[in-house]
Protein backbone atom coordinates (compact mmCIF):
# COMPACT_ATOMS: atom_id res chain seq x y z
CA MET A 1 6.04 -131.73 59.05
CA ASN A 2 2.51 -131.67 57.99
CA ARG A 3 0.30 -129.64 59.87
CA PRO A 4 -3.16 -130.41 60.08
CA PRO A 5 -5.75 -128.57 58.63
CA VAL A 6 -6.54 -125.42 60.96
CA ALA A 7 -10.09 -123.59 61.39
CA TYR A 8 -10.30 -120.12 61.99
CA PRO A 9 -13.40 -118.11 63.38
CA VAL A 10 -15.73 -116.20 60.70
CA ASN A 11 -19.07 -114.86 61.56
CA LEU A 12 -21.77 -114.39 59.27
CA SER A 13 -20.95 -110.34 58.92
CA ASP A 14 -17.32 -111.16 58.13
CA LEU A 15 -18.45 -113.40 55.26
CA ILE A 16 -20.36 -110.46 54.16
CA ASN A 17 -17.44 -108.07 53.80
CA ILE A 18 -15.85 -110.54 51.94
CA ALA A 19 -18.38 -111.16 49.24
CA ASP A 20 -19.08 -107.60 49.28
CA ALA A 21 -15.09 -106.95 48.73
CA ALA A 22 -15.15 -108.95 46.05
CA ALA A 23 -17.83 -107.26 44.51
CA GLU A 24 -16.02 -104.18 44.50
CA LEU A 25 -12.62 -105.70 43.39
CA ASP A 26 -14.78 -107.06 40.22
CA GLY A 27 -16.31 -103.67 39.42
CA MET A 28 -12.24 -101.87 39.47
CA ARG A 29 -11.70 -104.58 36.51
CA MET A 30 -12.51 -101.75 34.04
CA PHE A 31 -10.14 -99.37 35.53
CA TYR A 32 -7.51 -102.32 34.07
CA VAL A 33 -9.13 -102.14 30.10
CA ASP A 34 -5.86 -101.82 28.55
CA GLN A 35 -4.78 -104.85 30.55
CA PRO A 36 -6.00 -107.89 29.94
CA ALA A 37 -3.83 -110.15 31.55
CA GLU A 38 -5.01 -107.97 35.27
CA GLN A 39 -8.52 -108.15 34.16
CA VAL A 40 -7.97 -111.58 34.30
CA ARG A 41 -6.47 -112.20 37.46
CA ILE A 42 -8.70 -110.23 39.23
CA SER A 43 -11.80 -112.19 38.09
CA ALA A 44 -10.16 -114.93 39.13
CA MET A 45 -9.10 -113.66 42.53
CA VAL A 46 -13.59 -112.53 43.11
CA GLU A 47 -14.18 -115.86 41.41
CA GLN A 48 -11.97 -117.59 44.75
CA LEU A 49 -12.99 -115.37 46.89
CA HIS A 50 -16.94 -115.97 45.86
CA ASN A 51 -16.02 -119.51 46.48
CA LEU A 52 -14.32 -119.35 49.42
CA VAL A 53 -17.22 -117.36 50.88
CA GLU A 54 -19.62 -120.06 49.49
CA ARG A 55 -17.92 -123.18 51.22
CA ALA A 56 -17.18 -121.28 53.97
CA ALA A 57 -20.81 -120.41 54.62
CA VAL A 58 -22.91 -123.52 52.91
CA HIS A 59 -26.35 -123.95 53.21
CA ASP A 60 -26.12 -120.22 54.76
CA ALA A 61 -24.57 -118.43 51.64
CA VAL A 62 -28.79 -116.78 50.78
CA LEU A 63 -28.04 -114.67 54.11
CA ILE A 64 -25.10 -113.66 51.74
CA TYR A 65 -25.85 -113.10 48.19
CA GLY A 66 -30.03 -113.92 48.98
CA PRO A 67 -31.72 -115.51 46.18
CA ALA A 68 -29.73 -116.85 43.06
CA GLY A 69 -29.65 -114.50 40.69
CA GLU A 70 -30.13 -111.15 43.24
CA GLY A 71 -26.38 -110.66 44.16
CA VAL A 72 -24.31 -109.65 47.55
CA THR A 73 -26.81 -108.21 50.39
CA THR A 74 -25.30 -105.71 52.69
């Protein structure tokens, strides 16, 4: 049985929290300096989280990340 796609309500604050958590996780990679495979896994996870936030926010991503190059805002 195929289930239709389900949408879940999230707000801008939720998306900012996800983006901030992804940025924090990205910073934690340095603790795995002796585990390159773990660094790659974390990098992939961080990228997926940021993609999720951008996909959900669409044109409002600038409210989360600011103008290009400024990083995550809180």
